[in-house]
Amino acid sequence: MAIRVAMLGQYPLDETRILGGIEAVMVPLLRALARLDDVQLDVVTCLPGVQDGTVVTQSGMPLHVLRRRRLGRVTWHARDVASIRRTVRALSPDVVHAQGLGIYAAAATALPYPHVVTAHGLFFREAEFAQGLAARWRGFMDSAYERRCLARTRNLIAISPYVEQELLRRPPEASFAGRVFPIENPVDELFFGVGDEAQEPATVLYAGRVIPRKGLLSLLHALVGVRQAVPQLRLRVAGEVGSQSEYVEDCRRFIAQQGLETSVTFLGSLSLQQMAHEYARCALLALPSKQETAPVVVAEAMAAGRAVVAAHACGMPYMLEDGQSGFLVGFDDVAGWERALTTLLADAALRRRMGRRGRELARARFHPDAVAQATRAVYRVLSAVSSLVSPTRRGRQDQAARGAELAGGGR
């Protein structure tokens, strides 16, 4: 019998336009899970400005779209969580899988079914980089909500050892006492098809939003020195621009002061096909972030056979083999960034060698089929406990609640 899974998380109506890391993870994961004969999926997502309804994803799965309510933080997202819970109850799944420690985790842990939550970004860490009173308030509220969801979670998928370490050392009032399943994020199969040779061997790609914690300004400082050694240097910035205008203006001001206008191009948000094209043209990916859990762009670059220079911080050292598939540099070590970038841009053979190693690692760790197999194993564990209570896995609600309790269900 197939395991019926309700997957809760941010899912795009247009699968070619990905906004944010969770969407970039959910699309390839769900496609790979849909290819498994013993997993039956329903996807539930909340989006602003839509009407409630059900559509079909490009992979043929039912996508239950719910309208995201305004002022959610003020009400602890009560209306959104209630809407998600009603939808999932109607589906009566064997397992509920929530993506992220937000509203989807809140709904999953309040339902009478076995649940597992995948922890992605850590709000309490990201809030440390908030600028302005409004952003700091949002960070405070999101961090408090994250603590609440974590305390109710009984089965957790950790996408990186860094995530597990950070969550397990939270204060006692938000301690996590459940089971941890280590499963890394998948990347779209599209990126594994990128050619080995860079179309533009002096081009560096930065992929991410232009916000303080992503560190673009630090990268720009390093590029001043790199350009002296590589005059034809080009930086292409792929990601949302404008969410924190003060920081964006600081970046643009520095570019003007250093005469980098012809060397730096802001591309904005790109589709998957456009991102694959950017990986194909670039020599390497640079990600100087101060806070990341397991950045999808690093995994994408590795899958595309591109060397990576990333900050030696948070979850990134668990993804890269320093000196083998890329270089790890302190996020504020401008001289270190200059050396790493200049070395790679000047040595095509080294870039190819690192790119091949990165793709080898990515195929084993980040390919959607590998991640789907590991995820299915978690579903089997949870549904097996549930089936001990209800052999048909479609019993009365009190039977489902008992199964959730045995599997570590929410309080």
Protein backbone atom coordinates (compact mmCIF):
# COMPACT_ATOMS: atom_id res chain seq x y z
CA MET A 1 0.00 0.00 0.00
CA ALA A 2 1.29 3.46 -0.89
CA ILE A 3 2.14 5.84 1.92
CA ARG A 4 -0.11 8.89 1.73
CA VAL A 5 1.88 12.02 2.47
CA ALA A 6 0.66 15.59 2.91
CA MET A 7 3.59 17.88 2.09
CA LEU A 8 3.20 21.36 3.56
CA GLY A 9 5.34 24.29 2.45
CA GLN A 10 5.91 27.21 0.11
CA TYR A 11 5.30 25.86 -3.37
CA PRO A 12 5.26 28.00 -6.55
CA LEU A 13 2.33 28.11 -8.92
CA ASP A 14 4.93 28.38 -11.71
CA GLU A 15 7.62 25.77 -11.08
CA THR A 16 10.05 27.54 -13.42
CA ARG A 17 10.05 30.67 -11.24
CA ILE A 18 11.58 29.85 -7.88
CA LEU A 19 11.53 32.39 -5.07
CA GLY A 20 13.56 31.35 -2.05
CA GLY A 21 15.42 28.28 -0.90
CA ILE A 22 12.41 26.27 0.29
CA GLU A 23 10.74 26.44 -3.12
CA ALA A 24 14.05 25.47 -4.75
CA VAL A 25 14.11 22.38 -2.53
CA MET A 26 10.45 21.37 -2.69
CA VAL A 27 10.13 21.28 -6.48
CA PRO A 28 12.89 18.72 -7.21
CA LEU A 29 12.11 16.71 -4.08
CA LEU A 30 8.42 16.35 -4.92
CA ARG A 31 9.17 15.45 -8.53
CA ALA A 32 11.50 12.69 -7.37
CA LEU A 33 9.04 11.44 -4.73
CA ALA A 34 6.28 11.38 -7.37
CA ARG A 35 8.34 8.86 -9.35
CA LEU A 36 8.20 6.39 -6.45
CA ASP A 37 5.39 3.83 -6.70
CA ASP A 38 4.81 3.57 -2.96
CA VAL A 39 4.42 7.28 -2.13
CA GLN A 40 1.20 9.21 -2.81
CA LEU A 41 1.53 12.97 -2.42
CA ASP A 42 -0.72 15.94 -1.80
CA VAL A 43 0.89 19.38 -1.54
CA VAL A 44 -0.57 22.17 0.61
CA THR A 45 0.68 25.75 0.30
CA CYS A 46 -0.40 29.23 1.41
CA LEU A 47 0.08 32.12 -1.02
CA PRO A 48 -0.97 35.78 -0.80
CA GLY A 49 -3.53 37.17 -3.22
CA VAL A 50 -5.07 33.87 -4.33
CA GLN A 51 -8.37 32.12 -3.82
CA ASP A 52 -8.59 28.75 -2.10
CA GLY A 53 -8.62 25.89 -4.57
CA THR A 54 -6.86 22.80 -5.90
CA VAL A 55 -4.73 22.64 -9.02
CA VAL A 56 -2.30 20.05 -10.38
CA THR A 57 1.46 20.50 -10.34
CA GLN A 58 3.54 19.91 -13.45
CA SER A 59 4.44 16.53 -11.97
CA GLY A 60 0.76 15.58 -11.65
CA MET A 61 0.34 16.01 -7.89
CA PRO A 62 -2.67 17.74 -6.34
CA LEU A 63 -1.64 21.20 -5.12
CA HIS A 64 -4.03 22.63 -2.53
CA VAL A 65 -3.62 26.40 -2.63
CA LEU A 66 -4.82 28.42 0.36
CA ARG A 67 -4.99 32.18 0.69
CA ARG A 68 -2.34 33.59 3.02
CA ARG A 69 -3.89 36.05 5.48
CA ARG A 70 -2.47 39.45 6.33
CA LEU A 71 -1.23 40.42 9.80
CA GLY A 72 -0.26 36.84 10.52
CA ARG A 73 2.48 37.69 12.99
CA VAL A 74 0.05 39.70 15.13
CA THR A 75 -2.28 36.69 15.47
CA TRP A 76 0.44 34.03 15.61
CA HIS A 77 -0.75 32.96 12.14
CA ALA A 78 -3.85 31.40 13.71
CA ARG A 79 -6.06 31.69 10.61
CA ASP A 80 -3.44 30.28 8.24
CA VAL A 81 -2.67 27.37 10.55
CA ALA A 82 -6.38 26.59 10.96
CA SER A 83 -6.87 26.63 7.18
CA ILE A 84 -3.95 24.26 6.65
CA ARG A 85 -5.18 21.91 9.38
CA ARG A 86 -8.70 21.72 7.86
CA THR A 87 -7.25 20.88 4.47
CA VAL A 88 -4.95 18.17 5.81
CA ARG A 89 -7.69 16.59 7.92
CA ALA A 90 -9.79 16.21 4.78
CA LEU A 91 -6.86 14.40 3.12
CA SER A 92 -6.38 12.01 6.09
CA PRO A 93 -2.73 11.24 5.29
CA ASP A 94 -0.46 8.65 6.85
CA VAL A 95 2.33 11.20 7.34
CA VAL A 96 2.51 14.99 7.35
CA HIS A 97 5.78 16.55 6.18
CA ALA A 98 6.27 20.28 6.85
CA GLN A 99 8.98 22.37 5.24
CA GLY A 100 10.41 24.99 7.60
CA LEU A 101 9.83 25.87 11.26
CA GLY A 102 6.98 28.28 10.53
CA ILE A 103 3.26 28.03 9.88
CA TYR A 104 3.53 24.65 8.16
CA ALA A 105 5.32 23.14 11.14
CA ALA A 106 2.75 24.71 13.46
CA ALA A 107 -0.04 23.01 11.51
CA ALA A 108 1.73 19.67 11.21
CA THR A 109 2.50 19.40 14.92
CA ALA A 110 -1.10 20.22 15.85
CA LEU A 111 -2.60 17.45 13.69
CA PRO A 112 -3.38 13.87 14.82
CA TYR A 113 -0.97 12.27 12.32
CA PRO A 114 2.71 11.33 12.48
CA HIS A 115 4.73 14.32 11.37
CA VAL A 116 8.24 15.26 10.32
CA VAL A 117 9.55 18.81 9.90
CA THR A 118 12.46 19.82 7.71
CA ALA A 119 14.36 22.73 9.28
CA HIS A 120 15.72 25.15 6.69
CA GLY A 121 16.72 28.70 7.61
CA LEU A 122 17.16 29.55 11.28
CA PHE A 123 15.11 32.65 12.09
CA PHE A 124 16.86 33.32 15.38
CA ARG A 125 20.22 33.52 13.56
CA GLU A 126 18.98 35.48 10.56
CA ALA A 127 17.30 38.01 12.88
CA GLU A 128 20.74 39.07 14.09
CA PHE A 129 21.28 40.79 10.73
CA ALA A 130 17.98 42.68 10.61
CA GLN A 131 18.26 46.41 9.90
CA GLY A 132 15.66 48.91 11.07
CA LEU A 133 13.00 48.77 13.77
CA ALA A 134 10.37 47.01 11.63
CA ALA A 135 12.79 44.32 10.46
CA ARG A 136 14.02 43.71 14.01
CA TRP A 137 10.43 43.35 15.22
CA ARG A 138 9.69 40.83 12.46
CA GLY A 139 12.84 38.95 13.37
CA PHE A 140 11.86 38.84 17.04
CA MET A 141 8.36 37.55 16.24
CA ASP A 142 9.60 34.95 13.75
CA SER A 143 12.24 33.72 16.21
CA ALA A 144 9.66 33.33 18.97
CA TYR A 145 7.37 31.43 16.61
CA GLU A 146 10.26 29.21 15.56
CA ARG A 147 10.95 28.34 19.20
CA ARG A 148 7.31 27.45 19.69
CA CYS A 149 7.24 25.17 16.64
CA LEU A 150 10.52 23.51 17.54
CA ALA A 151 9.28 22.66 21.02
CA ARG A 152 6.27 20.86 19.49
CA THR A 153 8.24 18.97 16.82
CA ARG A 154 8.90 15.31 17.42
CA ASN A 155 10.61 14.27 14.19
CA LEU A 156 13.06 16.59 12.50
CA ILE A 157 14.97 16.41 9.22
CA ALA A 158 18.26 18.30 9.57
CA ILE A 159 19.66 19.43 6.21
CA SER A 160 23.10 19.99 7.70
CA PRO A 161 25.01 19.07 10.87
CA TYR A 162 25.11 22.82 11.49
CA VAL A 163 21.31 22.95 11.69
CA GLU A 164 21.23 20.08 14.16
CA GLN A 165 23.93 21.66 16.33
CA GLU A 166 22.20 25.04 16.43
CA LEU A 167 18.75 23.68 17.23
CA LEU A 168 19.89 21.22 19.86
CA ARG A 169 21.71 23.89 21.83
CA ARG A 170 18.73 26.24 22.02
CA PRO A 171 17.58 27.43 25.48
CA PRO A 172 15.73 24.83 27.63
CA GLU A 173 12.32 26.40 27.01
CA ALA A 174 12.73 25.69 23.29
CA SER A 175 14.66 22.45 23.54
CA PHE A 176 14.12 19.74 20.97
CA ALA A 177 13.58 16.26 22.39
CA GLY A 178 12.58 14.28 19.31
CA ARG A 179 14.33 12.26 16.64
CA VAL A 180 16.68 13.75 14.06
CA PHE A 181 17.01 12.40 10.50
CA PRO A 182 20.00 13.85 8.61
CA ILE A 183 18.96 14.40 4.96
CA GLU A 184 20.54 17.06 2.77
CA ASN A 185 18.63 19.25 0.33
CA PRO A 186 18.18 18.23 -3.31
CA VAL A 187 18.83 20.42 -6.34
CA ASP A 188 17.05 20.38 -9.67
CA GLU A 189 18.32 17.79 -12.14
CA LEU A 190 18.68 20.59 -14.69
CA PHE A 191 21.94 21.73 -13.09
CA PHE A 192 23.65 18.36 -13.52
CA GLY A 193 23.47 18.88 -17.29
CA VAL A 194 25.57 22.06 -17.38
CA GLY A 195 28.73 21.68 -19.48
CA ASP A 196 32.18 21.43 -17.93
CA GLU A 197 33.76 24.41 -19.72
CA ALA A 198 32.94 27.96 -18.61
CA GLN A 199 31.68 30.12 -21.44
CA GLU A 200 33.23 33.19 -19.79
CA PRO A 201 36.35 32.15 -17.82
CA ALA A 202 36.71 35.56 -16.14
CA THR A 203 33.11 35.71 -14.86
CA VAL A 204 32.19 35.24 -11.19
CA LEU A 205 28.59 34.48 -10.21
CA TYR A 206 26.98 35.65 -6.97
CA ALA A 207 23.56 34.03 -6.42
CA GLY A 208 21.38 35.33 -3.60
CA ARG A 209 19.41 38.28 -2.36
CA VAL A 210 21.24 41.56 -1.91
CA ILE A 211 20.95 41.77 1.88
CA PRO A 212 23.54 42.28 4.64
CA ARG A 213 23.90 38.66 5.77
CA LYS A 214 24.67 37.52 2.20
CA GLY A 215 27.80 39.68 2.14
CA LEU A 216 27.82 41.11 -1.39
CA LEU A 217 29.54 44.30 -0.21
CA SER A 218 32.44 42.26 1.21
CA LEU A 219 32.77 40.49 -2.14
CA LEU A 220 32.87 43.83 -3.95
CA HIS A 221 35.74 44.97 -1.72
CA ALA A 222 37.68 41.85 -2.70
CA LEU A 223 36.98 42.36 -6.39
CA VAL A 224 38.87 45.64 -6.40
CA GLY A 225 42.10 43.72 -5.85
CA VAL A 226 41.10 40.81 -8.10
CA ARG A 227 40.48 43.14 -11.02
CA GLN A 228 44.09 44.31 -10.90
CA ALA A 229 45.20 40.75 -11.65
CA VAL A 230 42.25 39.91 -13.95
CA PRO A 231 41.28 43.15 -15.79
CA GLN A 232 38.52 41.39 -17.77
CA LEU A 233 36.81 40.32 -14.52
CA ARG A 234 33.01 40.34 -14.49
CA LEU A 235 30.61 39.80 -11.57
CA ARG A 236 27.02 38.80 -12.26
CA VAL A 237 24.60 39.21 -9.35
CA ALA A 238 21.61 36.85 -9.62
CA GLY A 239 19.01 37.59 -6.96
CA GLU A 240 16.36 39.93 -5.63
CA VAL A 241 17.47 43.55 -5.34
CA GLY A 242 15.67 46.14 -3.26
CA SER A 243 14.35 44.32 -0.21
CA GLN A 244 16.75 46.31 1.99
CA SER A 245 17.36 49.47 0.02
CA GLU A 246 19.97 50.96 2.37
CA TYR A 247 22.29 48.01 1.87
CA VAL A 248 21.65 47.97 -1.89
CA GLU A 249 22.55 51.65 -2.05
CA ASP A 250 25.75 50.98 -0.11
CA CYS A 251 26.69 48.37 -2.73
CA ARG A 252 25.87 50.63 -5.65
CA ARG A 253 27.77 53.52 -4.06
CA PHE A 254 30.87 51.40 -3.61
CA ILE A 255 30.64 50.17 -7.21
CA ALA A 256 30.55 53.77 -8.42
CA GLN A 257 33.40 54.88 -6.16
CA GLN A 258 35.66 52.08 -7.38
CA GLY A 259 34.72 52.39 -11.05
CA LEU A 260 33.23 48.90 -11.16
CA GLU A 261 30.12 49.86 -13.15
CA THR A 262 31.24 47.97 -16.26
CA SER A 263 32.34 44.96 -14.21
CA VAL A 264 29.18 44.33 -12.14
CA THR A 265 25.75 43.41 -13.54
CA PHE A 266 22.60 43.07 -11.40
CA LEU A 267 20.32 40.45 -12.96
CA GLY A 268 17.43 40.32 -10.47
CA SER A 269 15.51 37.10 -9.79
CA LEU A 270 15.94 34.45 -12.47
CA SER A 271 14.10 31.34 -13.60
CA LEU A 272 15.65 27.89 -13.28
CA GLN A 273 16.61 27.88 -16.95
CA GLN A 274 18.20 31.30 -16.60
CA MET A 275 20.12 30.19 -13.52
CA ALA A 276 21.40 27.12 -15.39
CA HIS A 277 22.59 29.46 -18.13
CA GLU A 278 24.41 31.60 -15.57
CA TYR A 279 26.20 28.56 -14.16
CA ALA A 280 27.16 27.56 -17.70
CA ARG A 281 28.74 30.92 -18.48
CA CYS A 282 30.56 31.54 -15.17
CA ALA A 283 33.97 30.33 -14.02
CA LEU A 284 32.94 29.95 -10.38
CA LEU A 285 30.37 30.78 -7.72
CA ALA A 286 31.21 33.16 -4.86
CA LEU A 287 29.06 33.19 -1.72
CA PRO A 288 30.46 35.34 1.14
CA SER A 289 27.44 34.90 3.43
CA LYS A 290 27.70 35.42 7.17
CA GLN A 291 24.71 33.17 7.90
CA GLU A 292 23.58 30.14 5.88
CA THR A 293 22.33 26.71 6.81
CA ALA A 294 22.89 24.68 3.62
CA PRO A 295 22.64 27.15 0.72
CA VAL A 296 21.00 25.65 -2.34
CA VAL A 297 23.15 27.77 -4.67
CA VAL A 298 26.30 26.02 -3.43
CA ALA A 299 24.75 22.63 -4.16
CA GLU A 300 23.55 23.89 -7.57
CA ALA A 301 27.03 25.16 -8.48
CA MET A 302 28.56 21.84 -7.44
CA ALA A 303 25.99 19.94 -9.53
CA ALA A 304 26.84 22.22 -12.45
CA GLY A 305 30.52 21.36 -12.12
CA ARG A 306 31.62 24.80 -10.96
CA ALA A 307 34.21 25.53 -8.31
CA VAL A 308 32.86 27.42 -5.30
CA VAL A 309 34.41 30.03 -3.03
CA ALA A 310 32.26 30.29 0.09
CA ALA A 311 32.50 31.70 3.58
CA HIS A 312 33.99 29.44 6.21
CA ALA A 313 30.87 29.81 8.35
CA CYS A 314 27.75 28.00 9.50
CA GLY A 315 26.71 25.14 7.22
CA MET A 316 29.00 25.83 4.27
CA PRO A 317 32.05 23.89 5.53
CA TYR A 318 29.85 20.77 5.62
CA MET A 319 29.10 21.14 1.90
CA LEU A 320 32.52 21.93 0.45
CA GLU A 321 35.81 20.08 0.65
CA ASP A 322 38.22 22.97 1.13
CA GLY A 323 40.91 22.80 -1.54
CA GLN A 324 39.13 19.95 -3.35
CA SER A 325 35.75 21.24 -4.62
CA GLY A 326 36.39 24.89 -3.79
CA PHE A 327 37.83 27.22 -1.20
CA LEU A 328 36.51 28.27 2.20
CA VAL A 329 37.42 31.79 3.32
CA GLY A 330 36.46 33.89 6.34
CA PHE A 331 33.50 36.05 5.31
CA ASP A 332 35.33 39.25 6.36
CA ASP A 333 38.79 38.18 5.12
CA VAL A 334 39.07 40.48 2.08
CA ALA A 335 42.66 39.46 1.36
CA GLY A 336 41.68 35.79 1.56
CA TRP A 337 38.87 36.33 -0.91
CA GLU A 338 41.24 38.13 -3.27
CA ARG A 339 43.70 35.21 -3.17
CA ALA A 340 41.06 32.50 -3.64
CA LEU A 341 39.29 34.25 -6.52
CA THR A 342 42.50 35.25 -8.27
CA THR A 343 43.92 31.73 -7.95
CA LEU A 344 40.86 30.12 -9.49
CA LEU A 345 40.38 32.67 -12.25
CA ALA A 346 44.01 32.23 -13.29
CA ASP A 347 44.00 28.41 -13.31
CA ALA A 348 41.47 26.75 -15.61
CA ALA A 349 42.80 23.28 -14.86
CA LEU A 350 42.29 23.77 -11.13
CA ARG A 351 38.73 25.03 -11.74
CA ARG A 352 37.91 21.99 -13.85
CA ARG A 353 39.37 19.62 -11.28
CA MET A 354 37.40 21.23 -8.45
CA GLY A 355 34.27 21.32 -10.60
CA ARG A 356 34.50 17.60 -11.37
CA ARG A 357 34.94 16.80 -7.69
CA GLY A 358 32.02 19.03 -6.77
CA ARG A 359 29.74 17.34 -9.30
CA GLU A 360 30.78 13.93 -8.00
CA LEU A 361 29.84 14.94 -4.46
CA ALA A 362 26.61 16.57 -5.61
CA ARG A 363 25.47 13.50 -7.49
CA ALA A 364 25.85 11.36 -4.39
CA ARG A 365 24.44 13.87 -1.88
CA PHE A 366 22.14 16.34 -3.65
CA HIS A 367 20.60 14.46 -6.57
CA PRO A 368 16.80 14.43 -6.14
CA ASP A 369 16.55 10.65 -6.46
CA ALA A 370 19.05 10.11 -3.63
CA VAL A 371 17.25 12.59 -1.38
CA ALA A 372 13.84 11.12 -2.23
CA GLN A 373 15.00 7.63 -1.27
CA ALA A 374 16.22 8.88 2.11
CA THR A 375 13.01 10.83 2.66
CA ARG A 376 10.85 7.80 1.81
CA ALA A 377 12.73 5.83 4.45
CA VAL A 378 11.59 8.38 7.06
CA TYR A 379 8.00 8.08 5.86
CA ARG A 380 8.22 4.31 6.24
CA VAL A 381 9.39 4.64 9.82
CA LEU A 382 6.53 6.95 10.74
CA SER A 383 3.80 5.15 8.80
CA ALA A 384 4.88 1.78 10.19
CA VAL A 385 4.19 2.95 13.72
CA SER A 386 0.87 4.39 12.61
CA SER A 387 -0.14 1.14 10.93
CA LEU A 388 0.39 -0.77 14.19
CA VAL A 389 -2.61 1.10 15.52
CA SER A 390 -4.71 1.05 12.36
CA PRO A 391 -3.83 -1.69 9.83
CA THR A 392 -5.80 0.06 7.09
CA ARG A 393 -4.31 3.45 8.09
CA ARG A 394 -7.76 4.90 7.60
CA GLY A 395 -9.34 4.29 11.00
CA ARG A 396 -11.17 6.59 13.32
CA GLN A 397 -9.63 9.89 14.36
CA ASP A 398 -8.76 8.57 17.83
CA GLN A 399 -6.79 5.75 16.21
CA ALA A 400 -4.87 8.24 14.06
CA ALA A 401 -4.18 10.37 17.13
CA ARG A 402 -2.83 7.34 18.99
CA GLY A 403 -0.58 6.53 16.01
CA ALA A 404 0.77 10.07 16.05
CA GLU A 405 1.54 9.79 19.74
CA LEU A 406 3.46 6.57 19.25
CA ALA A 407 5.41 8.10 16.37
CA GLY A 408 6.19 11.24 18.34
CA GLY A 409 3.30 13.37 17.16
CA GLY A 410 2.62 16.94 18.20
CA ARG A 411 1.14 17.90 21.53
